[in-house]
N, C-alpha and C. Protein backbone atom coordinates (compact mmCIF):
# COMPACT_ATOMS: atom_id res chain seq x y z
N UNK A 1 48.60 107.36 40.25
CA UNK A 1 49.20 106.73 38.94
C UNK A 1 48.11 106.59 37.95
N UNK A 2 48.38 107.39 37.01
CA UNK A 2 47.44 107.62 35.77
C UNK A 2 47.65 106.37 34.91
N UNK A 3 46.41 105.76 34.38
CA UNK A 3 46.69 104.68 33.38
C UNK A 3 46.07 105.09 31.95
N UNK A 4 46.00 106.42 31.74
CA UNK A 4 45.45 107.09 30.49
C UNK A 4 46.24 106.73 29.24
N UNK A 5 47.36 106.43 29.36
CA UNK A 5 48.27 106.46 28.17
C UNK A 5 48.93 105.17 28.00
N UNK A 6 48.23 103.99 27.82
CA UNK A 6 48.65 102.58 27.61
C UNK A 6 49.32 102.43 26.36
N UNK A 7 50.37 101.60 26.43
CA UNK A 7 50.90 101.32 25.11
C UNK A 7 52.22 102.02 24.60
N UNK A 8 52.79 102.80 25.66
CA UNK A 8 53.84 103.63 25.42
C UNK A 8 55.18 102.58 25.91
N UNK A 9 56.29 103.43 25.66
CA UNK A 9 57.67 102.65 25.69
C UNK A 9 57.72 101.87 27.10
N UNK A 10 58.58 101.03 27.12
CA UNK A 10 58.80 100.26 28.35
C UNK A 10 59.01 101.25 29.60
N UNK A 11 58.44 100.98 30.87
CA UNK A 11 58.64 102.12 31.83
C UNK A 11 60.11 101.87 32.45
N UNK A 12 60.11 102.92 33.19
CA UNK A 12 61.49 103.14 34.04
C UNK A 12 61.42 102.62 35.31
N UNK A 13 62.38 102.33 35.98
CA UNK A 13 62.34 101.91 37.46
C UNK A 13 61.73 103.12 38.13
N UNK A 14 60.97 102.58 39.06
CA UNK A 14 60.35 103.49 39.97
C UNK A 14 61.13 104.53 40.53
N UNK A 15 62.50 104.33 40.89
CA UNK A 15 63.28 105.08 41.41
C UNK A 15 63.57 106.32 40.64
N UNK A 16 63.76 105.92 39.22
CA UNK A 16 63.98 106.96 38.13
C UNK A 16 62.72 107.91 37.84
N UNK A 17 61.81 107.33 37.98
CA UNK A 17 60.55 108.06 37.69
C UNK A 17 60.24 109.05 38.74
N UNK A 18 60.41 108.80 40.09
CA UNK A 18 60.03 109.64 41.40
C UNK A 18 61.14 110.49 41.52
N UNK A 19 62.37 109.85 41.09
CA UNK A 19 63.65 111.01 40.87
C UNK A 19 63.36 112.30 40.25
N UNK A 20 62.72 111.94 38.91
CA UNK A 20 62.54 113.00 38.16
C UNK A 20 61.16 113.85 38.47
N UNK A 21 60.30 113.33 38.97
CA UNK A 21 59.03 114.04 39.50
C UNK A 21 59.43 114.75 40.90
N UNK A 22 60.26 114.25 41.73
CA UNK A 22 60.37 115.03 42.93
C UNK A 22 59.20 115.86 43.48
N UNK A 23 59.37 117.22 43.58
CA UNK A 23 58.28 117.83 44.53
C UNK A 23 57.02 118.15 43.55
N UNK A 24 57.28 117.78 42.25
CA UNK A 24 56.04 118.04 41.49
C UNK A 24 55.08 116.85 41.67
N UNK A 25 55.31 115.85 42.02
CA UNK A 25 54.47 114.74 42.60
C UNK A 25 53.63 115.23 43.80
N UNK A 26 54.15 115.81 44.73
CA UNK A 26 53.37 116.38 46.08
C UNK A 26 52.63 117.33 45.54
N UNK A 27 52.85 118.55 44.63
CA UNK A 27 51.99 119.48 44.12
C UNK A 27 50.79 118.92 43.59
N UNK A 28 51.08 117.74 42.70
CA UNK A 28 50.02 117.17 41.85
C UNK A 28 48.84 116.66 42.66
N UNK A 29 49.49 116.06 43.91
CA UNK A 29 48.30 115.04 44.48
C UNK A 29 48.04 115.82 45.99
N UNK A 30 48.37 117.07 46.04
CA UNK A 30 48.08 117.94 47.36
C UNK A 30 46.70 118.04 47.63
N UNK A 31 45.81 117.99 46.44
CA UNK A 31 44.31 118.43 46.56
C UNK A 31 43.61 117.04 46.78
N UNK A 32 44.06 116.02 47.15
CA UNK A 32 43.39 114.95 47.17
C UNK A 32 42.40 114.99 48.54
N UNK A 33 41.11 115.21 48.53
CA UNK A 33 40.37 115.25 49.72
C UNK A 33 40.23 113.81 50.16
N UNK A 34 40.24 112.82 49.56
CA UNK A 34 40.17 111.52 49.90
C UNK A 34 41.32 110.86 50.72
N UNK A 35 42.69 111.19 50.26
CA UNK A 35 43.79 111.01 50.88
C UNK A 35 43.80 111.65 52.17
N UNK A 36 43.25 112.99 52.25
CA UNK A 36 43.44 113.61 53.59
C UNK A 36 42.15 112.90 54.89
N UNK A 37 40.99 112.43 53.89
CA UNK A 37 40.19 111.74 55.02
C UNK A 37 40.70 110.48 55.42
N UNK A 38 41.37 109.86 54.56
CA UNK A 38 42.00 108.41 55.05
C UNK A 38 42.94 108.73 56.04
N UNK A 39 43.74 109.77 55.80
CA UNK A 39 44.84 109.98 57.06
C UNK A 39 43.95 110.44 58.24
N UNK A 40 42.87 111.22 58.06
CA UNK A 40 42.37 111.70 59.54
C UNK A 40 41.60 110.38 60.10
N UNK A 41 41.02 109.66 59.23
CA UNK A 41 40.47 108.36 59.88
C UNK A 41 41.39 107.55 60.53
N UNK A 42 42.69 107.42 60.20
CA UNK A 42 43.73 106.58 60.80
C UNK A 42 44.14 107.17 61.98
N UNK A 43 44.39 108.65 62.02
CA UNK A 43 44.70 109.47 63.11
C UNK A 43 43.73 109.44 64.06
N UNK A 44 42.55 109.28 64.11
CA UNK A 44 41.39 108.95 64.85
C UNK A 44 41.57 107.86 65.90
N UNK A 45 42.24 106.75 65.10
CA UNK A 45 42.32 105.29 65.74
C UNK A 45 43.62 104.99 66.42
N UNK A 46 44.49 105.86 66.20
CA UNK A 46 45.79 105.75 66.82
C UNK A 46 46.05 105.87 68.19
N UNK A 47 46.66 105.14 68.92
CA UNK A 47 46.99 105.50 70.28
C UNK A 47 48.17 106.62 70.39
N UNK A 48 48.38 107.50 71.25
CA UNK A 48 49.54 108.40 71.38
C UNK A 48 50.68 107.55 71.08
N UNK A 49 51.64 108.26 70.46
CA UNK A 49 53.08 107.78 70.27
C UNK A 49 53.17 106.67 69.36
N UNK A 50 52.20 106.33 68.54
CA UNK A 50 52.18 105.11 67.80
C UNK A 50 53.19 105.00 66.90
N UNK A 51 53.80 103.80 66.68
CA UNK A 51 54.78 103.46 65.51
C UNK A 51 54.29 103.36 64.11
N UNK A 52 54.55 103.96 63.07
CA UNK A 52 53.69 103.76 61.78
C UNK A 52 54.91 103.70 60.82
N UNK A 53 54.65 102.80 59.99
CA UNK A 53 55.47 102.53 58.51
C UNK A 53 54.79 103.22 57.55
N UNK A 54 55.48 104.11 56.91
CA UNK A 54 55.00 104.79 55.75
C UNK A 54 55.65 104.16 54.48
N UNK A 55 55.00 103.24 53.57
CA UNK A 55 55.61 102.56 52.40
C UNK A 55 55.67 103.56 51.26
N UNK A 56 56.55 103.89 50.53
CA UNK A 56 56.50 104.65 49.47
C UNK A 56 56.13 106.28 49.86
N UNK A 57 56.93 106.74 50.89
CA UNK A 57 56.49 107.87 51.58
C UNK A 57 57.05 109.20 50.73
N UNK A 58 57.55 109.09 49.92
CA UNK A 58 57.64 110.35 48.84
C UNK A 58 58.37 111.46 49.44
N UNK A 59 57.66 112.54 49.29
CA UNK A 59 58.28 113.72 49.77
C UNK A 59 57.94 113.82 51.43
N UNK A 60 57.26 113.07 51.92
CA UNK A 60 56.80 113.12 53.32
C UNK A 60 55.66 113.73 53.44
N UNK A 61 54.98 114.60 52.61
CA UNK A 61 53.55 115.21 52.69
C UNK A 61 52.70 114.67 51.74
N UNK A 62 51.47 114.37 52.15
CA UNK A 62 51.02 114.82 53.54
C UNK A 62 51.00 113.63 54.58
N UNK A 63 51.38 112.50 54.06
CA UNK A 63 51.20 111.30 55.22
C UNK A 63 52.21 111.36 56.40
N UNK A 64 53.49 111.46 56.21
CA UNK A 64 54.40 111.39 57.29
C UNK A 64 54.39 112.61 58.13
N UNK A 65 54.10 113.55 57.34
CA UNK A 65 53.93 115.02 58.00
C UNK A 65 52.67 115.10 59.02
N UNK A 66 51.77 114.37 58.70
CA UNK A 66 50.65 114.50 59.43
C UNK A 66 50.54 113.59 60.78
N UNK A 67 51.34 112.31 60.34
CA UNK A 67 51.48 111.54 61.47
C UNK A 67 52.58 112.08 62.39
N UNK A 68 53.63 112.56 61.95
CA UNK A 68 54.75 112.84 62.89
C UNK A 68 54.18 114.16 63.65
N UNK A 69 53.36 115.05 62.87
CA UNK A 69 52.83 116.07 63.57
C UNK A 69 51.83 115.87 64.62
N UNK A 70 51.33 114.77 64.66
CA UNK A 70 50.35 114.30 65.75
C UNK A 70 51.15 113.40 66.78
N UNK A 71 52.40 113.44 66.62
CA UNK A 71 53.28 112.72 67.95
C UNK A 71 53.49 111.20 67.71
N UNK A 72 53.35 110.82 66.53
CA UNK A 72 53.52 109.40 66.31
C UNK A 72 54.95 109.21 65.82
N UNK A 73 55.69 108.11 66.00
CA UNK A 73 56.83 107.78 65.61
C UNK A 73 56.78 107.22 64.07
N UNK A 74 57.34 107.62 63.07
CA UNK A 74 56.87 107.52 61.56
C UNK A 74 58.38 106.98 61.11
N UNK A 75 58.30 105.90 60.49
CA UNK A 75 59.36 105.45 59.56
C UNK A 75 58.99 105.48 58.12
N UNK A 76 59.71 106.13 57.35
CA UNK A 76 59.30 106.32 55.78
C UNK A 76 60.19 105.49 54.91
N UNK A 77 59.56 104.76 54.06
CA UNK A 77 60.57 103.90 53.03
C UNK A 77 60.07 104.42 51.62
N UNK A 78 61.24 104.56 50.91
CA UNK A 78 60.99 105.17 49.50
C UNK A 78 62.02 104.68 48.68
N UNK A 79 62.11 104.17 47.59
CA UNK A 79 63.12 103.80 46.66
C UNK A 79 64.04 105.10 45.86
N UNK A 80 63.37 106.11 45.99
CA UNK A 80 63.78 107.58 45.27
C UNK A 80 64.69 108.06 46.02
N UNK A 81 66.05 108.44 45.77
CA UNK A 81 67.09 109.18 46.64
C UNK A 81 66.45 110.62 46.85
N UNK A 82 66.07 110.95 45.54
CA UNK A 82 65.60 112.64 45.55
C UNK A 82 64.47 112.71 46.72
N UNK A 83 63.40 111.83 46.48
CA UNK A 83 62.30 111.92 47.33
C UNK A 83 62.44 111.90 48.75
N UNK A 84 63.34 110.78 49.07
CA UNK A 84 63.83 110.41 50.42
C UNK A 84 64.51 111.88 51.04
N UNK A 85 65.37 112.36 50.37
CA UNK A 85 66.16 113.62 50.87
C UNK A 85 65.19 114.64 50.96
N UNK A 86 64.42 114.97 50.05
CA UNK A 86 63.42 115.93 50.37
C UNK A 86 62.32 115.91 51.46
N UNK A 87 61.91 114.53 51.75
CA UNK A 87 61.28 113.95 52.85
C UNK A 87 62.03 114.33 54.32
N UNK A 88 63.28 114.02 54.16
CA UNK A 88 63.85 114.23 55.58
C UNK A 88 64.09 115.76 55.77
N UNK A 89 64.02 116.47 54.86
CA UNK A 89 64.12 118.16 54.92
C UNK A 89 62.92 118.51 55.42
N UNK A 90 61.80 117.91 54.80
CA UNK A 90 60.37 118.55 55.02
C UNK A 90 59.71 117.97 56.54
N UNK A 91 60.11 116.86 56.77
CA UNK A 91 59.59 116.16 57.93
C UNK A 91 60.86 115.70 58.88
N UNK A 92 61.40 116.59 59.40
CA UNK A 92 62.66 116.13 60.22
C UNK A 92 62.25 115.33 61.69
N UNK A 93 60.91 115.27 61.66
CA UNK A 93 60.59 114.49 63.04
C UNK A 93 60.37 113.08 62.79
N UNK A 94 60.58 112.84 61.47
CA UNK A 94 60.23 111.22 60.95
C UNK A 94 61.64 110.69 60.62
N UNK A 95 61.75 109.36 60.54
CA UNK A 95 62.85 108.82 59.95
C UNK A 95 62.47 108.05 58.36
N UNK A 96 63.50 108.44 57.65
CA UNK A 96 63.17 108.06 56.19
C UNK A 96 64.56 107.29 55.72
N UNK A 97 64.13 106.13 55.10
CA UNK A 97 65.09 105.15 54.63
C UNK A 97 64.98 104.82 53.08
N UNK A 98 66.16 105.14 52.17
CA UNK A 98 66.10 104.90 50.96
C UNK A 98 66.35 103.41 50.62
N UNK A 99 65.25 102.74 50.32
CA UNK A 99 65.18 101.21 50.17
C UNK A 99 64.12 100.81 49.42
N UNK A 100 64.29 99.57 48.89
CA UNK A 100 63.15 98.80 48.26
C UNK A 100 62.39 98.02 49.42
N UNK A 101 61.06 98.21 49.54
CA UNK A 101 60.32 97.59 50.53
C UNK A 101 60.54 96.19 50.79
N UNK A 102 60.48 95.70 49.38
CA UNK A 102 60.79 94.11 49.32
C UNK A 102 61.75 93.66 49.96
N UNK A 103 62.88 94.69 50.09
CA UNK A 103 64.20 93.91 50.66
C UNK A 103 64.41 94.43 52.09
N UNK A 104 63.68 95.01 52.60
CA UNK A 104 63.67 95.54 53.96
C UNK A 104 63.19 94.45 55.05
N UNK A 105 63.88 93.94 56.13
CA UNK A 105 63.35 93.22 57.20
C UNK A 105 62.25 93.79 57.83
N UNK A 106 61.36 92.94 57.98
CA UNK A 106 60.07 93.48 58.85
C UNK A 106 59.59 92.48 59.86
N UNK A 107 59.83 92.82 61.34
CA UNK A 107 59.51 92.09 62.24
C UNK A 107 57.91 91.89 62.42
N UNK A 108 57.38 90.80 63.00
CA UNK A 108 56.27 90.62 63.04
C UNK A 108 55.72 91.42 64.17
N UNK A 109 54.65 92.24 63.90
CA UNK A 109 53.87 93.02 64.79
C UNK A 109 54.83 94.31 65.33
N UNK A 110 55.81 94.51 64.49
CA UNK A 110 56.44 95.94 64.93
C UNK A 110 55.98 97.11 64.96
N UNK A 111 54.76 97.39 64.16
CA UNK A 111 54.17 98.41 63.84
C UNK A 111 52.96 98.55 64.50
N UNK A 112 52.43 99.77 64.78
CA UNK A 112 50.95 99.77 65.25
C UNK A 112 50.13 100.19 64.00
N UNK A 113 50.73 100.65 62.89
CA UNK A 113 49.95 100.85 61.62
C UNK A 113 51.02 100.83 60.55
N UNK A 114 50.33 100.67 59.48
CA UNK A 114 51.18 100.81 58.07
C UNK A 114 50.35 101.46 57.39
N UNK A 115 50.89 102.30 56.45
CA UNK A 115 50.32 103.19 55.21
C UNK A 115 51.12 102.71 53.86
N UNK A 116 50.24 102.59 52.95
CA UNK A 116 50.76 102.13 51.60
C UNK A 116 49.83 102.85 50.53
N UNK A 117 50.44 104.38 50.31
CA UNK A 117 49.20 105.17 49.37
C UNK A 117 49.85 104.88 47.93
N UNK A 118 49.29 104.25 47.16
CA UNK A 118 49.80 104.23 46.08
C UNK A 118 51.21 103.65 45.62
N UNK A 119 51.66 103.03 46.62
CA UNK A 119 52.97 102.52 46.33
C UNK A 119 53.25 101.20 45.84
N UNK A 120 52.17 100.51 45.43
CA UNK A 120 52.18 99.21 44.91
C UNK A 120 52.29 99.18 43.40
N UNK A 121 51.84 100.04 42.79
CA UNK A 121 51.42 100.12 41.37
C UNK A 121 52.42 99.52 40.39
N UNK A 122 53.65 99.82 40.76
CA UNK A 122 54.87 99.59 39.89
C UNK A 122 55.70 98.15 40.26
N UNK A 123 54.66 97.51 41.22
CA UNK A 123 55.17 96.13 41.41
C UNK A 123 54.42 95.20 40.52
N UNK A 124 54.84 94.01 40.41
CA UNK A 124 54.18 92.96 39.74
C UNK A 124 52.88 92.42 40.69
N UNK A 125 52.03 91.89 40.12
CA UNK A 125 50.86 91.44 40.84
C UNK A 125 51.22 90.35 42.06
N UNK A 126 52.29 89.62 41.42
CA UNK A 126 52.58 88.48 42.59
C UNK A 126 53.34 89.28 43.70
N UNK A 127 54.25 90.29 43.45
CA UNK A 127 55.01 91.04 44.50
C UNK A 127 53.94 91.71 45.43
N UNK A 128 52.78 92.28 44.50
CA UNK A 128 51.81 92.91 45.41
C UNK A 128 51.12 92.07 46.46
N UNK A 129 50.95 90.93 45.94
CA UNK A 129 50.19 89.75 46.92
C UNK A 129 51.20 89.67 48.00
N UNK A 130 52.31 89.35 47.58
CA UNK A 130 53.47 88.96 48.76
C UNK A 130 53.50 90.02 49.81
N UNK A 131 53.78 91.41 49.22
CA UNK A 131 54.17 92.36 50.02
C UNK A 131 52.87 92.86 51.05
N UNK A 132 51.70 92.74 50.49
CA UNK A 132 50.62 92.96 51.38
C UNK A 132 50.62 91.94 52.44
N UNK A 133 50.82 90.83 52.25
CA UNK A 133 51.08 89.89 53.58
C UNK A 133 51.96 90.33 54.42
N UNK A 134 53.14 90.65 53.88
CA UNK A 134 54.26 91.17 54.71
C UNK A 134 54.03 91.93 55.68
N UNK A 135 53.21 93.40 55.05
CA UNK A 135 52.86 94.43 55.73
C UNK A 135 51.98 94.42 56.61
N UNK A 136 50.79 93.38 56.54
CA UNK A 136 49.91 93.04 57.41
C UNK A 136 50.47 92.40 58.69
N UNK A 137 51.66 91.39 58.51
CA UNK A 137 52.29 90.62 59.59
C UNK A 137 53.03 91.71 60.44
N UNK A 138 53.54 92.69 59.79
CA UNK A 138 54.24 93.94 60.30
C UNK A 138 53.60 94.75 61.21
N UNK A 139 52.20 94.61 61.11
CA UNK A 139 51.19 95.26 62.09
C UNK A 139 50.84 94.21 63.31
N UNK A 140 50.86 95.00 64.54
CA UNK A 140 50.65 94.22 65.65
C UNK A 140 48.93 93.82 65.48
N UNK A 141 48.69 92.64 66.11
CA UNK A 141 47.25 92.35 65.93
C UNK A 141 46.40 93.60 66.55
N UNK A 142 45.37 93.80 65.82
CA UNK A 142 44.37 94.81 65.88
C UNK A 142 44.92 96.35 65.74
N UNK A 143 46.12 96.13 64.93
CA UNK A 143 46.68 97.49 64.40
C UNK A 143 46.02 97.70 63.13
N UNK A 144 46.50 98.83 62.31
CA UNK A 144 45.64 99.20 61.24
C UNK A 144 46.93 99.27 60.06
N UNK A 145 45.95 98.89 58.82
CA UNK A 145 46.55 99.01 57.49
C UNK A 145 45.74 99.80 56.56
N UNK A 146 46.29 101.09 56.28
CA UNK A 146 45.70 101.90 55.27
C UNK A 146 46.36 101.73 53.92
N UNK A 147 45.51 101.40 52.76
CA UNK A 147 46.20 101.32 51.52
C UNK A 147 45.35 101.98 50.43
N UNK A 148 46.08 102.48 49.53
CA UNK A 148 45.31 103.14 48.47
C UNK A 148 46.00 102.65 46.98
N UNK A 149 45.10 102.47 46.04
CA UNK A 149 45.71 101.96 44.74
C UNK A 149 44.43 102.74 43.63
N UNK A 150 44.96 102.62 42.17
CA UNK A 150 44.44 102.67 41.16
C UNK A 150 43.89 101.51 40.87
N UNK A 151 42.30 101.20 41.20
CA UNK A 151 41.86 99.93 40.94
C UNK A 151 41.36 99.73 39.61
N UNK A 152 42.28 99.47 38.65
CA UNK A 152 42.17 98.96 37.23
C UNK A 152 42.63 97.52 36.97
N UNK A 153 42.16 96.76 36.53
CA UNK A 153 42.59 95.35 36.02
C UNK A 153 43.60 95.07 35.00
N UNK A 154 44.87 95.53 35.34
CA UNK A 154 45.90 95.44 34.39
C UNK A 154 47.09 94.61 34.96
N UNK A 155 48.00 94.04 34.15
CA UNK A 155 49.15 93.36 34.69
C UNK A 155 50.35 93.78 33.60
N UNK A 156 51.32 94.52 33.98
CA UNK A 156 52.58 94.71 33.53
C UNK A 156 52.23 95.38 32.15
N UNK A 157 51.58 96.42 32.33
CA UNK A 157 51.23 97.33 31.25
C UNK A 157 52.09 98.70 31.23
N UNK A 158 52.66 98.99 30.11
CA UNK A 158 53.30 100.13 29.83
C UNK A 158 52.48 101.39 29.82
N UNK A 159 52.62 102.33 30.54
CA UNK A 159 51.82 103.76 30.53
C UNK A 159 52.57 104.79 30.72
N UNK A 160 51.80 106.10 30.69
CA UNK A 160 52.66 107.43 31.05
C UNK A 160 52.15 107.83 32.29
N UNK A 161 52.78 108.42 33.19
CA UNK A 161 52.47 108.92 34.38
C UNK A 161 53.23 110.29 34.68
N UNK A 162 52.40 111.34 34.53
CA UNK A 162 52.91 112.66 34.50
C UNK A 162 54.35 112.84 33.83
N UNK A 163 53.95 112.28 32.50
CA UNK A 163 55.26 112.40 31.52
C UNK A 163 56.37 111.41 31.57
N UNK A 164 56.09 110.41 32.61
CA UNK A 164 57.11 109.47 32.66
C UNK A 164 56.72 108.21 32.39
N UNK A 165 57.52 107.62 31.60
CA UNK A 165 57.15 106.10 31.15
C UNK A 165 57.20 105.02 32.14
N UNK A 166 56.31 104.52 32.66
CA UNK A 166 56.06 103.49 33.50
C UNK A 166 55.56 102.09 33.24
N UNK A 167 55.64 101.18 34.03
CA UNK A 167 54.97 99.72 33.81
C UNK A 167 54.37 99.49 35.22
N UNK A 168 52.94 99.37 35.11
CA UNK A 168 52.05 99.32 36.10
C UNK A 168 51.26 97.96 36.11
N UNK A 169 50.96 97.49 37.22
CA UNK A 169 50.08 96.33 37.54
C UNK A 169 49.09 96.85 38.82
N UNK A 170 47.93 96.24 38.60
CA UNK A 170 46.94 96.64 39.40
C UNK A 170 45.71 95.64 39.44
N UNK A 171 44.88 95.68 40.37
CA UNK A 171 43.54 94.97 40.59
C UNK A 171 42.34 95.85 40.47
N UNK A 172 41.17 95.23 40.02
CA UNK A 172 39.98 95.74 40.08
C UNK A 172 39.73 95.88 41.65
N UNK A 173 38.81 96.88 41.99
CA UNK A 173 38.41 97.20 43.26
C UNK A 173 38.04 95.87 44.30
N UNK A 174 37.23 95.03 43.53
CA UNK A 174 36.65 94.01 44.35
C UNK A 174 37.93 92.92 44.65
N UNK A 175 38.65 92.73 43.88
CA UNK A 175 39.78 91.55 43.96
C UNK A 175 40.93 92.37 44.76
N UNK A 176 41.08 93.77 44.75
CA UNK A 176 42.15 94.33 45.62
C UNK A 176 41.42 94.24 47.14
N UNK A 177 40.37 94.48 47.20
CA UNK A 177 39.68 94.38 48.68
C UNK A 177 39.82 93.01 49.16
N UNK A 178 39.75 92.26 48.27
CA UNK A 178 39.61 90.69 48.75
C UNK A 178 40.96 90.12 49.04
N UNK A 179 41.92 90.80 48.34
CA UNK A 179 43.27 90.52 48.64
C UNK A 179 43.56 91.06 50.18
N UNK A 180 43.35 92.36 50.30
CA UNK A 180 43.69 92.87 51.62
C UNK A 180 43.05 91.88 53.03
N UNK A 181 41.93 91.65 52.51
CA UNK A 181 41.01 90.77 53.57
C UNK A 181 41.80 89.18 53.61
N UNK A 182 42.07 88.80 52.69
CA UNK A 182 42.78 87.56 52.55
C UNK A 182 44.23 87.58 53.34
N UNK A 183 44.74 88.84 53.27
CA UNK A 183 46.23 89.00 53.93
C UNK A 183 46.12 88.70 55.33
N UNK A 184 44.84 88.89 55.95
CA UNK A 184 44.79 88.93 57.38
C UNK A 184 44.15 90.12 57.97
N UNK A 185 43.18 90.79 57.30
CA UNK A 185 42.82 91.93 57.73
C UNK A 185 41.15 91.95 57.62
N UNK A 186 40.46 92.87 58.67
CA UNK A 186 39.05 92.98 58.32
C UNK A 186 39.09 94.42 57.66
N UNK A 187 38.35 94.44 56.57
CA UNK A 187 38.42 95.95 55.87
C UNK A 187 37.20 96.63 56.38
N UNK A 188 37.39 97.69 57.29
CA UNK A 188 36.75 98.49 57.88
C UNK A 188 35.99 99.65 57.06
N UNK A 189 36.63 100.04 56.14
CA UNK A 189 36.11 101.18 55.20
C UNK A 189 36.81 101.16 54.03
N UNK A 190 35.91 101.20 52.92
CA UNK A 190 36.42 101.36 51.54
C UNK A 190 35.83 102.60 50.96
N UNK A 191 36.76 103.57 50.30
CA UNK A 191 36.21 104.58 49.70
C UNK A 191 36.79 104.63 48.34
N UNK A 192 35.91 104.93 47.43
CA UNK A 192 36.26 105.18 45.77
C UNK A 192 36.09 106.60 45.45
N UNK A 193 36.88 107.19 44.69
CA UNK A 193 36.76 108.46 44.15
C UNK A 193 37.54 108.65 42.83
N UNK A 194 37.21 109.69 42.24
CA UNK A 194 37.74 110.14 40.92
C UNK A 194 38.69 111.39 41.10
N UNK A 195 39.92 111.11 40.88
CA UNK A 195 40.83 112.49 41.12
C UNK A 195 41.88 112.75 39.87
N UNK A 196 41.90 114.14 39.61
CA UNK A 196 42.72 114.67 38.63
C UNK A 196 43.93 115.08 39.27
N UNK A 197 45.20 114.63 39.03
CA UNK A 197 46.24 115.52 39.59
C UNK A 197 46.50 116.75 38.74
N UNK A 198 46.87 117.64 39.75
CA UNK A 198 47.14 118.95 39.34
C UNK A 198 48.47 119.15 38.60
N UNK A 199 48.68 118.72 37.38
CA UNK A 199 49.69 118.72 36.52
C UNK A 199 49.37 118.64 35.30
N UNK A 200 50.14 119.29 34.26
CA UNK A 200 49.84 119.47 32.83
C UNK A 200 49.54 118.05 32.16
N UNK A 201 50.20 117.06 32.60
CA UNK A 201 49.90 115.70 32.09
C UNK A 201 48.99 114.81 32.79
N UNK A 202 48.40 115.49 33.94
CA UNK A 202 47.45 115.01 34.81
C UNK A 202 46.21 114.47 33.94
N UNK A 203 45.62 113.20 34.48
CA UNK A 203 44.33 112.58 33.74
C UNK A 203 43.55 112.26 34.88
N UNK A 204 42.32 112.33 34.69
CA UNK A 204 41.31 111.69 35.72
C UNK A 204 41.60 110.36 36.05
N UNK A 205 41.75 109.55 37.24
CA UNK A 205 42.16 108.47 37.62
C UNK A 205 41.24 108.00 38.75
N UNK A 206 40.85 106.55 38.73
CA UNK A 206 39.92 106.14 39.91
C UNK A 206 41.06 106.02 41.31
N UNK A 207 40.55 106.02 42.39
CA UNK A 207 41.25 106.02 43.75
C UNK A 207 40.22 105.11 44.39
N UNK A 208 41.10 104.03 45.02
CA UNK A 208 40.55 103.35 46.13
C UNK A 208 41.13 103.26 47.23
N UNK A 209 40.49 103.81 48.34
CA UNK A 209 41.26 103.73 49.65
C UNK A 209 40.58 102.61 50.68
N UNK A 210 41.28 102.16 51.23
CA UNK A 210 40.99 100.88 52.38
C UNK A 210 41.66 101.18 53.69
N UNK A 211 40.67 100.98 54.59
CA UNK A 211 41.27 101.26 55.87
C UNK A 211 40.83 99.74 56.71
N UNK A 212 41.93 98.99 57.12
CA UNK A 212 41.90 97.75 57.64
C UNK A 212 42.50 97.50 59.00
N UNK A 213 41.97 96.62 59.57
CA UNK A 213 42.48 96.02 61.02
C UNK A 213 42.96 94.81 60.84
N UNK A 214 44.10 94.66 61.42
CA UNK A 214 44.82 93.17 61.48
C UNK A 214 44.11 92.36 62.44
N UNK A 215 43.63 91.20 61.99
CA UNK A 215 42.78 90.10 62.98
C UNK A 215 43.86 89.49 63.83
């Protein structure tokens, strides 16, 4: 999520934005070595046949595809009907739900791992805090949470992301890491990088990847 163009018109709903982006989003972020490294780190720590929730699953690539290809049972959730349909075609071995994760019932400890790659940015700060807690509780004790964000200190700011008006909120790196820990995890790895999406409207943006273990 690029935050280079603040002060633009009020953002569109997340579903509208990602319906419009479709496969362009996958192409723009396909070159993220840090995302691949985060996934590889998770795959190394999962037991065979683990049940994994992919929050903001997008087109299904690379996250759901990598996990399902390794034999894990993947449930992807995304608010975009276009993205969800594309993911179902591209990763037929995973299950995809078109839903707002805030409205989805999550049982305590029902997953071995949860992934949330850049899927919190269009939520308010309060919603992000609440959702992080719910996602951690949805992981069994000792299970994994991997989460990525754009670590900038903004709240309800209008921006342009790949040509689409959006409203974004986020936290600085230290505060976001503290939120993950405070939600009931041990943060085992923290990786920061700068990435430019492969898109005509792409701007360099900081990325923060955390790998956490539920206590």
